[in-house]
C-alpha cells in the first residue's frame, strides 16, 4: 500500500471522533508519516510531521501488513519491527484504531 492509501484507510477507521483522545504519529522514515489528532473534533488525519504524544516507528511495508491483518502489532513490537516513543498508554489503545 502507498502512504496515500494507508492515510485514507486510517481516516476511514478513525472517523469523525477518534477512540483515542491524543496525537499519534506513525513514522515510516523516508516514506513519510501519518498523524492522527484525536484531540480535535472532527479528528484530523494527515501527513504532517508534527510533534505527537506517541510516535510509532515502523516501516511502511510492516505497517501495511499490520493494517491488513498479516502481521500482529504486538509481535512486531516484540521483534523490534515496531518501536514506540512517548506515551506507551496511548500505544496500548491503538488496537481500537487499527482494528
PDB file of N, CA and C in Angstrom:
ATOM      1  N   UNK A   1       0.831  -1.190   0.000  1.00  0.00           N
ATOM      2  CA  UNK A   1       0.000   0.000   0.000  1.00  0.00           C
ATOM      3  C   UNK A   1       0.868   1.242   0.000  1.00  0.00           C
ATOM      4  N   UNK A   2       0.360   2.286  -0.617  1.00  0.00           N
ATOM      5  CA  UNK A   2       1.069   3.559  -0.617  1.00  0.00           C
ATOM      6  C   UNK A   2       0.716   4.355   0.629  1.00  0.00           C
ATOM      7  N   UNK A   3       1.483   5.392   0.882  1.00  0.00           N
ATOM      8  CA  UNK A   3       1.209   6.262   2.025  1.00  0.00           C
ATOM      9  C   UNK A   3      -0.192   6.871   1.903  1.00  0.00           C
ATOM     10  N   UNK A   4      -0.558   7.276   0.689  1.00  0.00           N
ATOM     11  CA  UNK A   4      -1.871   7.880   0.470  1.00  0.00           C
ATOM     12  C   UNK A   4      -2.996   6.877   0.750  1.00  0.00           C
ATOM     13  N   UNK A   5      -2.832   5.644   0.308  1.00  0.00           N
ATOM     14  CA  UNK A   5      -3.846   4.610   0.550  1.00  0.00           C
ATOM     15  C   UNK A   5      -3.985   4.320   2.047  1.00  0.00           C
ATOM     16  N   UNK A   6      -2.852   4.228   2.736  1.00  0.00           N
ATOM     17  CA  UNK A   6      -2.889   3.975   4.174  1.00  0.00           C
ATOM     18  C   UNK A   6      -3.520   5.147   4.919  1.00  0.00           C
ATOM     19  N   UNK A   7      -3.203   6.369   4.504  1.00  0.00           N
ATOM     20  CA  UNK A   7      -3.782   7.550   5.143  1.00  0.00           C
ATOM     21  C   UNK A   7      -5.295   7.547   4.998  1.00  0.00           C
ATOM     22  N   UNK A   8      -5.791   7.260   3.811  1.00  0.00           N
ATOM     23  CA  UNK A   8      -7.239   7.197   3.583  1.00  0.00           C
ATOM     24  C   UNK A   8      -7.875   6.074   4.402  1.00  0.00           C
ATOM     25  N   UNK A   9      -7.197   4.936   4.478  1.00  0.00           N
ATOM     26  CA  UNK A   9      -7.700   3.816   5.263  1.00  0.00           C
ATOM     27  C   UNK A   9      -7.813   4.160   6.739  1.00  0.00           C
ATOM     28  N   UNK A  10      -6.786   4.822   7.276  1.00  0.00           N
ATOM     29  CA  UNK A  10      -6.808   5.243   8.682  1.00  0.00           C
ATOM     30  C   UNK A  10      -7.896   6.290   8.886  1.00  0.00           C
ATOM     31  N   UNK A  11      -8.027   7.207   7.936  1.00  0.00           N
ATOM     32  CA  UNK A  11      -9.068   8.233   8.030  1.00  0.00           C
ATOM     33  C   UNK A  11     -10.447   7.575   8.137  1.00  0.00           C
ATOM     34  N   UNK A  12     -10.679   6.540   7.360  1.00  0.00           N
ATOM     35  CA  UNK A  12     -11.945   5.826   7.397  1.00  0.00           C
ATOM     36  C   UNK A  12     -12.159   5.082   8.696  1.00  0.00           C
ATOM     37  N   UNK A  13     -11.099   4.517   9.255  1.00  0.00           N
ATOM     38  CA  UNK A  13     -11.213   3.769  10.515  1.00  0.00           C
ATOM     39  C   UNK A  13     -11.450   4.688  11.702  1.00  0.00           C
ATOM     40  N   UNK A  14     -10.796   5.838  11.701  1.00  0.00           N
ATOM     41  CA  UNK A  14     -10.907   6.759  12.829  1.00  0.00           C
ATOM     42  C   UNK A  14     -12.258   7.477  12.806  1.00  0.00           C
ATOM     43  N   UNK A  15     -12.678   7.922  11.645  1.00  0.00           N
ATOM     44  CA  UNK A  15     -13.947   8.630  11.531  1.00  0.00           C
ATOM     45  C   UNK A  15     -13.872  10.039  12.088  1.00  0.00           C
ATOM     46  N   UNK A  16     -15.026  10.572  12.444  1.00  0.00           N
ATOM     47  CA  UNK A  16     -15.128  11.946  12.942  1.00  0.00           C
ATOM     48  C   UNK A  16     -14.557  12.106  14.345  1.00  0.00           C
ATOM     49  N   UNK A  17     -14.728  11.081  15.176  1.00  0.00           N
ATOM     50  CA  UNK A  17     -14.285  11.162  16.568  1.00  0.00           C
ATOM     51  C   UNK A  17     -13.382   9.973  16.877  1.00  0.00           C
ATOM     52  N   UNK A  18     -12.146  10.275  17.162  1.00  0.00           N
ATOM     53  CA  UNK A  18     -11.154   9.233  17.451  1.00  0.00           C
ATOM     54  C   UNK A  18     -11.456   8.555  18.785  1.00  0.00           C
ATOM     55  N   UNK A  19     -11.231   7.249  18.826  1.00  0.00           N
ATOM     56  CA  UNK A  19     -11.381   6.494  20.069  1.00  0.00           C
ATOM     57  C   UNK A  19     -10.247   6.816  21.043  1.00  0.00           C
ATOM     58  N   UNK A  20      -9.191   7.436  20.536  1.00  0.00           N
ATOM     59  CA  UNK A  20      -8.037   7.798  21.358  1.00  0.00           C
ATOM     60  C   UNK A  20      -7.888   9.314  21.326  1.00  0.00           C
ATOM     61  N   UNK A  21      -8.087   9.969  22.458  1.00  0.00           N
ATOM     62  CA  UNK A  21      -8.030  11.431  22.547  1.00  0.00           C
ATOM     63  C   UNK A  21      -6.592  11.890  22.774  1.00  0.00           C
ATOM     64  N   UNK A  22      -5.769  11.739  21.751  1.00  0.00           N
ATOM     65  CA  UNK A  22      -4.360  12.113  21.827  1.00  0.00           C
ATOM     66  C   UNK A  22      -3.849  12.308  20.402  1.00  0.00           C
ATOM     67  N   UNK A  23      -2.609  12.787  20.284  1.00  0.00           N
ATOM     68  CA  UNK A  23      -1.991  12.872  18.964  1.00  0.00           C
ATOM     69  C   UNK A  23      -1.027  11.703  18.816  1.00  0.00           C
ATOM     70  N   UNK A  24      -1.138  11.051  17.683  1.00  0.00           N
ATOM     71  CA  UNK A  24      -0.338   9.862  17.388  1.00  0.00           C
ATOM     72  C   UNK A  24       0.289  10.052  16.020  1.00  0.00           C
ATOM     73  N   UNK A  25       1.564   9.704  15.920  1.00  0.00           N
ATOM     74  CA  UNK A  25       2.241   9.794  14.629  1.00  0.00           C
ATOM     75  C   UNK A  25       2.846   8.442  14.297  1.00  0.00           C
ATOM     76  N   UNK A  26       2.524   7.949  13.116  1.00  0.00           N
ATOM     77  CA  UNK A  26       3.162   6.758  12.579  1.00  0.00           C
ATOM     78  C   UNK A  26       4.280   7.249  11.674  1.00  0.00           C
ATOM     79  N   UNK A  27       5.512   6.953  12.055  1.00  0.00           N
ATOM     80  CA  UNK A  27       6.694   7.440  11.341  1.00  0.00           C
ATOM     81  C   UNK A  27       7.274   6.307  10.500  1.00  0.00           C
ATOM     82  N   UNK A  28       7.220   6.489   9.180  1.00  0.00           N
ATOM     83  CA  UNK A  28       7.715   5.477   8.248  1.00  0.00           C
ATOM     84  C   UNK A  28       9.081   5.851   7.679  1.00  0.00           C
ATOM     85  N   UNK A  29       9.828   6.688   8.377  1.00  0.00           N
ATOM     86  CA  UNK A  29      11.146   7.103   7.913  1.00  0.00           C
ATOM     87  C   UNK A  29      11.036   7.926   6.641  1.00  0.00           C
ATOM     88  N   UNK A  30      11.821   7.583   5.647  1.00  0.00           N
ATOM     89  CA  UNK A  30      11.836   8.326   4.385  1.00  0.00           C
ATOM     90  C   UNK A  30      10.525   8.228   3.617  1.00  0.00           C
ATOM     91  N   UNK A  31       9.676   7.262   3.969  1.00  0.00           N
ATOM     92  CA  UNK A  31       8.398   7.088   3.276  1.00  0.00           C
ATOM     93  C   UNK A  31       7.315   8.038   3.782  1.00  0.00           C
ATOM     94  N   UNK A  32       7.572   8.798   4.849  1.00  0.00           N
ATOM     95  CA  UNK A  32       6.618   9.784   5.332  1.00  0.00           C
ATOM     96  C   UNK A  32       5.996   9.419   6.663  1.00  0.00           C
ATOM     97  N   UNK A  33       4.918  10.107   7.005  1.00  0.00           N
ATOM     98  CA  UNK A  33       4.230   9.914   8.286  1.00  0.00           C
ATOM     99  C   UNK A  33       2.722   9.973   8.090  1.00  0.00           C
ATOM    100  N   UNK A  34       2.016   9.382   9.031  1.00  0.00           N
ATOM    101  CA  UNK A  34       0.576   9.590   9.178  1.00  0.00           C
ATOM    102  C   UNK A  34       0.381  10.093  10.595  1.00  0.00           C
ATOM    103  N   UNK A  35      -0.294  11.222  10.715  1.00  0.00           N
ATOM    104  CA  UNK A  35      -0.541  11.811  12.033  1.00  0.00           C
ATOM    105  C   UNK A  35      -2.042  11.806  12.301  1.00  0.00           C
ATOM    106  N   UNK A  36      -2.402  11.369  13.488  1.00  0.00           N
ATOM    107  CA  UNK A  36      -3.797  11.380  13.933  1.00  0.00           C
ATOM    108  C   UNK A  36      -3.896  12.346  15.094  1.00  0.00           C
ATOM    109  N   UNK A  37      -4.736  13.365  14.939  1.00  0.00           N
ATOM    110  CA  UNK A  37      -5.001  14.285  16.046  1.00  0.00           C
ATOM    111  C   UNK A  37      -6.383  13.970  16.574  1.00  0.00           C
ATOM    112  N   UNK A  38      -6.424  13.123  17.584  1.00  0.00           N
ATOM    113  CA  UNK A  38      -7.674  12.710  18.183  1.00  0.00           C
ATOM    114  C   UNK A  38      -8.197  13.694  19.206  1.00  0.00           C
ATOM    115  N   UNK A  39      -7.456  14.797  19.425  1.00  0.00           N
ATOM    116  CA  UNK A  39      -7.919  15.826  20.356  1.00  0.00           C
ATOM    117  C   UNK A  39      -8.851  16.807  19.659  1.00  0.00           C
ATOM    118  N   UNK A  40      -8.863  16.796  18.336  1.00  0.00           N
ATOM    119  CA  UNK A  40      -9.732  17.677  17.558  1.00  0.00           C
ATOM    120  C   UNK A  40     -11.036  16.968  17.249  1.00  0.00           C
ATOM    121  N   UNK A  41     -12.076  17.759  17.049  1.00  0.00           N
ATOM    122  CA  UNK A  41     -13.336  17.173  16.613  1.00  0.00           C
ATOM    123  C   UNK A  41     -13.879  18.025  15.482  1.00  0.00           C
ATOM    124  N   UNK A  42     -13.909  17.528  14.252  1.00  0.00           N
ATOM    125  CA  UNK A  42     -13.610  16.137  13.918  1.00  0.00           C
ATOM    126  C   UNK A  42     -12.109  15.840  13.992  1.00  0.00           C
ATOM    127  N   UNK A  43     -11.790  14.570  14.126  1.00  0.00           N
ATOM    128  CA  UNK A  43     -10.390  14.141  14.188  1.00  0.00           C
ATOM    129  C   UNK A  43      -9.685  14.522  12.890  1.00  0.00           C
ATOM    130  N   UNK A  44      -8.411  14.861  13.008  1.00  0.00           N
ATOM    131  CA  UNK A  44      -7.610  15.237  11.849  1.00  0.00           C
ATOM    132  C   UNK A  44      -6.622  14.118  11.560  1.00  0.00           C
ATOM    133  N   UNK A  45      -6.642  13.607  10.337  1.00  0.00           N
ATOM    134  CA  UNK A  45      -5.690  12.591   9.906  1.00  0.00           C
ATOM    135  C   UNK A  45      -4.988  13.167   8.687  1.00  0.00           C
ATOM    136  N   UNK A  46      -3.669  13.362   8.810  1.00  0.00           N
ATOM    137  CA  UNK A  46      -2.927  13.959   7.712  1.00  0.00           C
ATOM    138  C   UNK A  46      -1.507  13.397   7.675  1.00  0.00           C
ATOM    139  N   UNK A  47      -0.671  14.007   6.867  1.00  0.00           N
ATOM    140  CA  UNK A  47       0.706  13.541   6.707  1.00  0.00           C
ATOM    141  C   UNK A  47       1.716  14.579   7.182  1.00  0.00           C
ATOM    142  N   UNK A  48       1.292  15.444   8.112  1.00  0.00           N
ATOM    143  CA  UNK A  48       2.203  16.467   8.619  1.00  0.00           C
ATOM    144  C   UNK A  48       3.095  15.880   9.706  1.00  0.00           C
ATOM    145  N   UNK A  49       4.358  16.231   9.615  1.00  0.00           N
ATOM    146  CA  UNK A  49       5.367  15.707  10.548  1.00  0.00           C
ATOM    147  C   UNK A  49       5.499  16.655  11.738  1.00  0.00           C
ATOM    148  N   UNK A  50       4.493  16.642  12.608  1.00  0.00           N
ATOM    149  CA  UNK A  50       4.475  17.499  13.789  1.00  0.00           C
ATOM    150  C   UNK A  50       4.663  16.655  15.046  1.00  0.00           C
ATOM    151  N   UNK A  51       4.909  17.326  16.158  1.00  0.00           N
ATOM    152  CA  UNK A  51       5.051  16.627  17.437  1.00  0.00           C
ATOM    153  C   UNK A  51       3.778  15.852  17.758  1.00  0.00           C
ATOM    154  N   UNK A  52       3.938  14.758  18.489  1.00  0.00           N
ATOM    155  CA  UNK A  52       2.798  13.924  18.877  1.00  0.00           C
ATOM    156  C   UNK A  52       3.033  13.365  20.274  1.00  0.00           C
ATOM    157  N   UNK A  53       1.937  12.991  20.930  1.00  0.00           N
ATOM    158  CA  UNK A  53       2.029  12.389  22.260  1.00  0.00           C
ATOM    159  C   UNK A  53       2.682  11.011  22.204  1.00  0.00           C
ATOM    160  N   UNK A  54       2.475  10.318  21.098  1.00  0.00           N
ATOM    161  CA  UNK A  54       3.004   8.971  20.909  1.00  0.00           C
ATOM    162  C   UNK A  54       3.475   8.837  19.468  1.00  0.00           C
ATOM    163  N   UNK A  55       4.695   8.357  19.281  1.00  0.00           N
ATOM    164  CA  UNK A  55       5.243   8.144  17.937  1.00  0.00           C
ATOM    165  C   UNK A  55       5.531   6.655  17.762  1.00  0.00           C
ATOM    166  N   UNK A  56       4.965   6.088  16.706  1.00  0.00           N
ATOM    167  CA  UNK A  56       5.183   4.690  16.378  1.00  0.00           C
ATOM    168  C   UNK A  56       6.079   4.645  15.150  1.00  0.00           C
ATOM    169  N   UNK A  57       7.264   4.081  15.318  1.00  0.00           N
ATOM    170  CA  UNK A  57       8.205   3.972  14.199  1.00  0.00           C
ATOM    171  C   UNK A  57       8.134   2.559  13.646  1.00  0.00           C
ATOM    172  N   UNK A  58       7.842   2.475  12.350  1.00  0.00           N
ATOM    173  CA  UNK A  58       7.665   1.186  11.692  1.00  0.00           C
ATOM    174  C   UNK A  58       7.850   1.407  10.189  1.00  0.00           C
ATOM    175  N   UNK A  59       8.251   0.380   9.471  1.00  0.00           N
ATOM    176  CA  UNK A  59       8.374   0.535   8.021  1.00  0.00           C
ATOM    177  C   UNK A  59       6.983   0.586   7.393  1.00  0.00           C
ATOM    178  N   UNK A  60       6.893   1.214   6.254  1.00  0.00           N
ATOM    179  CA  UNK A  60       5.610   1.309   5.546  1.00  0.00           C
ATOM    180  C   UNK A  60       5.079  -0.075   5.202  1.00  0.00           C
ATOM    181  N   UNK A  61       5.974  -0.974   4.813  1.00  0.00           N
ATOM    182  CA  UNK A  61       5.567  -2.341   4.461  1.00  0.00           C
ATOM    183  C   UNK A  61       5.021  -3.087   5.687  1.00  0.00           C
ATOM    184  N   UNK A  62       5.722  -3.004   6.805  1.00  0.00           N
ATOM    185  CA  UNK A  62       5.255  -3.683   8.021  1.00  0.00           C
ATOM    186  C   UNK A  62       3.928  -3.097   8.500  1.00  0.00           C
ATOM    187  N   UNK A  63       3.777  -1.772   8.406  1.00  0.00           N
ATOM    188  CA  UNK A  63       2.519  -1.150   8.818  1.00  0.00           C
ATOM    189  C   UNK A  63       1.372  -1.618   7.913  1.00  0.00           C
ATOM    190  N   UNK A  64       1.647  -1.710   6.628  1.00  0.00           N
ATOM    191  CA  UNK A  64       0.629  -2.215   5.697  1.00  0.00           C
ATOM    192  C   UNK A  64       0.183  -3.610   6.101  1.00  0.00           C
ATOM    193  N   UNK A  65       1.139  -4.445   6.475  1.00  0.00           N
ATOM    194  CA  UNK A  65       0.815  -5.810   6.887  1.00  0.00           C
ATOM    195  C   UNK A  65       0.011  -5.822   8.192  1.00  0.00           C
ATOM    196  N   UNK A  66       0.325  -4.911   9.109  1.00  0.00           N
ATOM    197  CA  UNK A  66      -0.423  -4.823  10.368  1.00  0.00           C
ATOM    198  C   UNK A  66      -1.869  -4.423  10.072  1.00  0.00           C
ATOM    199  N   UNK A  67      -2.044  -3.413   9.246  1.00  0.00           N
ATOM    200  CA  UNK A  67      -3.384  -2.920   8.911  1.00  0.00           C
ATOM    201  C   UNK A  67      -4.202  -3.986   8.188  1.00  0.00           C
ATOM    202  N   UNK A  68      -3.549  -4.759   7.326  1.00  0.00           N
ATOM    203  CA  UNK A  68      -4.243  -5.797   6.555  1.00  0.00           C
ATOM    204  C   UNK A  68      -4.449  -7.084   7.354  1.00  0.00           C
ATOM    205  N   UNK A  69      -3.864  -7.161   8.550  1.00  0.00           N
ATOM    206  CA  UNK A  69      -4.043  -8.336   9.400  1.00  0.00           C
ATOM    207  C   UNK A  69      -3.024  -9.440   9.192  1.00  0.00           C
ATOM    208  N   UNK A  70      -2.010  -9.188   8.379  1.00  0.00           N
ATOM    209  CA  UNK A  70      -0.994 -10.200   8.114  1.00  0.00           C
ATOM    210  C   UNK A  70       0.143 -10.220   9.126  1.00  0.00           C
ATOM    211  N   UNK A  71       0.245  -9.165   9.945  1.00  0.00           N
ATOM    212  CA  UNK A  71       1.301  -9.070  10.952  1.00  0.00           C
ATOM    213  C   UNK A  71       0.669  -8.563  12.239  1.00  0.00           C
ATOM    214  N   UNK A  72       0.924  -9.260  13.317  1.00  0.00           N
ATOM    215  CA  UNK A  72       0.414  -8.879  14.626  1.00  0.00           C
ATOM    216  C   UNK A  72       1.267  -7.738  15.172  1.00  0.00           C
ATOM    217  N   UNK A  73       0.623  -6.646  15.592  1.00  0.00           N
ATOM    218  CA  UNK A  73       1.341  -5.469  16.076  1.00  0.00           C
ATOM    219  C   UNK A  73       2.175  -5.785  17.320  1.00  0.00           C
ATOM    220  N   UNK A  74       1.655  -6.608  18.219  1.00  0.00           N
ATOM    221  CA  UNK A  74       2.408  -6.962  19.425  1.00  0.00           C
ATOM    222  C   UNK A  74       3.654  -7.764  19.066  1.00  0.00           C
ATOM    223  N   UNK A  75       3.522  -8.662  18.093  1.00  0.00           N
ATOM    224  CA  UNK A  75       4.676  -9.444  17.657  1.00  0.00           C
ATOM    225  C   UNK A  75       5.705  -8.529  16.980  1.00  0.00           C
ATOM    226  N   UNK A  76       5.217  -7.586  16.182  1.00  0.00           N
ATOM    227  CA  UNK A  76       6.112  -6.630  15.525  1.00  0.00           C
ATOM    228  C   UNK A  76       6.878  -5.823  16.573  1.00  0.00           C
ATOM    229  N   UNK A  77       6.203  -5.437  17.649  1.00  0.00           N
ATOM    230  CA  UNK A  77       6.845  -4.694  18.736  1.00  0.00           C
ATOM    231  C   UNK A  77       7.899  -5.563  19.419  1.00  0.00           C
ATOM    232  N   UNK A  78       7.539  -6.792  19.728  1.00  0.00           N
ATOM    233  CA  UNK A  78       8.451  -7.685  20.448  1.00  0.00           C
ATOM    234  C   UNK A  78       9.671  -8.073  19.620  1.00  0.00           C
ATOM    235  N   UNK A  79       9.542  -8.073  18.299  1.00  0.00           N
ATOM    236  CA  UNK A  79      10.673  -8.430  17.441  1.00  0.00           C
ATOM    237  C   UNK A  79      11.440  -7.205  16.952  1.00  0.00           C
ATOM    238  N   UNK A  80      11.040  -6.011  17.407  1.00  0.00           N
ATOM    239  CA  UNK A  80      11.767  -4.797  17.050  1.00  0.00           C
ATOM    240  C   UNK A  80      11.375  -4.184  15.720  1.00  0.00           C
ATOM    241  N   UNK A  81      10.369  -4.715  15.061  1.00  0.00           N
ATOM    242  CA  UNK A  81       9.920  -4.132  13.787  1.00  0.00           C
ATOM    243  C   UNK A  81       9.115  -2.853  14.018  1.00  0.00           C
ATOM    244  N   UNK A  82       8.581  -2.709  15.220  1.00  0.00           N
ATOM    245  CA  UNK A  82       7.764  -1.560  15.581  1.00  0.00           C
ATOM    246  C   UNK A  82       8.318  -1.011  16.888  1.00  0.00           C
ATOM    247  N   UNK A  83       8.594   0.295  16.906  1.00  0.00           N
ATOM    248  CA  UNK A  83       9.136   0.933  18.109  1.00  0.00           C
ATOM    249  C   UNK A  83       8.199   2.060  18.522  1.00  0.00           C
ATOM    250  N   UNK A  84       8.055   2.258  19.825  1.00  0.00           N
ATOM    251  CA  UNK A  84       7.161   3.281  20.353  1.00  0.00           C
ATOM    252  C   UNK A  84       7.972   4.287  21.155  1.00  0.00           C
ATOM    253  N   UNK A  85       7.720   5.566  20.879  1.00  0.00           N
ATOM    254  CA  UNK A  85       8.319   6.654  21.650  1.00  0.00           C
ATOM    255  C   UNK A  85       7.192   7.486  22.236  1.00  0.00           C
ATOM    256  N   UNK A  86       7.357   7.912  23.462  1.00  0.00           N
ATOM    257  CA  UNK A  86       6.323   8.734  24.098  1.00  0.00           C
ATOM    258  C   UNK A  86       5.429   7.901  24.985  1.00  0.00           C
ATOM    259  N   UNK A  87       4.164   8.269  25.032  1.00  0.00           N
ATOM    260  CA  UNK A  87       3.194   7.680  25.951  1.00  0.00           C
ATOM    261  C   UNK A  87       2.813   6.256  25.547  1.00  0.00           C
ATOM    262  N   UNK A  88       3.317   5.277  26.273  1.00  0.00           N
ATOM    263  CA  UNK A  88       3.044   3.870  25.973  1.00  0.00           C
ATOM    264  C   UNK A  88       1.567   3.532  26.200  1.00  0.00           C
ATOM    265  N   UNK A  89       0.909   4.236  27.107  1.00  0.00           N
ATOM    266  CA  UNK A  89      -0.513   4.017  27.346  1.00  0.00           C
ATOM    267  C   UNK A  89      -1.334   4.284  26.096  1.00  0.00           C
ATOM    268  N   UNK A  90      -0.943   5.305  25.344  1.00  0.00           N
ATOM    269  CA  UNK A  90      -1.624   5.615  24.086  1.00  0.00           C
ATOM    270  C   UNK A  90      -1.376   4.497  23.087  1.00  0.00           C
ATOM    271  N   UNK A  91      -0.144   4.017  23.027  1.00  0.00           N
ATOM    272  CA  UNK A  91       0.192   2.927  22.101  1.00  0.00           C
ATOM    273  C   UNK A  91      -0.662   1.698  22.381  1.00  0.00           C
ATOM    274  N   UNK A  92      -0.959   1.454  23.647  1.00  0.00           N
ATOM    275  CA  UNK A  92      -1.769   0.288  24.006  1.00  0.00           C
ATOM    276  C   UNK A  92      -3.203   0.419  23.508  1.00  0.00           C
ATOM    277  N   UNK A  93      -3.648   1.635  23.240  1.00  0.00           N
ATOM    278  CA  UNK A  93      -5.012   1.875  22.754  1.00  0.00           C
ATOM    279  C   UNK A  93      -5.127   1.816  21.239  1.00  0.00           C
ATOM    280  N   UNK A  94      -4.010   1.658  20.552  1.00  0.00           N
ATOM    281  CA  UNK A  94      -4.025   1.718  19.095  1.00  0.00           C
ATOM    282  C   UNK A  94      -4.845   0.614  18.442  1.00  0.00           C
ATOM    283  N   UNK A  95      -5.021  -0.504  19.129  1.00  0.00           N
ATOM    284  CA  UNK A  95      -5.835  -1.577  18.545  1.00  0.00           C
ATOM    285  C   UNK A  95      -7.268  -1.106  18.290  1.00  0.00           C
ATOM    286  N   UNK A  96      -7.720  -0.121  19.065  1.00  0.00           N
ATOM    287  CA  UNK A  96      -9.056   0.450  18.846  1.00  0.00           C
ATOM    288  C   UNK A  96      -9.123   1.179  17.506  1.00  0.00           C
ATOM    289  N   UNK A  97      -7.990   1.727  17.079  1.00  0.00           N
ATOM    290  CA  UNK A  97      -7.951   2.456  15.805  1.00  0.00           C
ATOM    291  C   UNK A  97      -7.650   1.534  14.626  1.00  0.00           C
ATOM    292  N   UNK A  98      -6.767   0.574  14.857  1.00  0.00           N
ATOM    293  CA  UNK A  98      -6.309  -0.273  13.763  1.00  0.00           C
ATOM    294  C   UNK A  98      -7.185  -1.495  13.561  1.00  0.00           C
ATOM    295  N   UNK A  99      -8.032  -1.778  14.547  1.00  0.00           N
ATOM    296  CA  UNK A  99      -8.994  -2.881  14.448  1.00  0.00           C
ATOM    297  C   UNK A  99      -8.349  -4.176  14.226  1.00  0.00           C
TER     298      UNK A  99
END
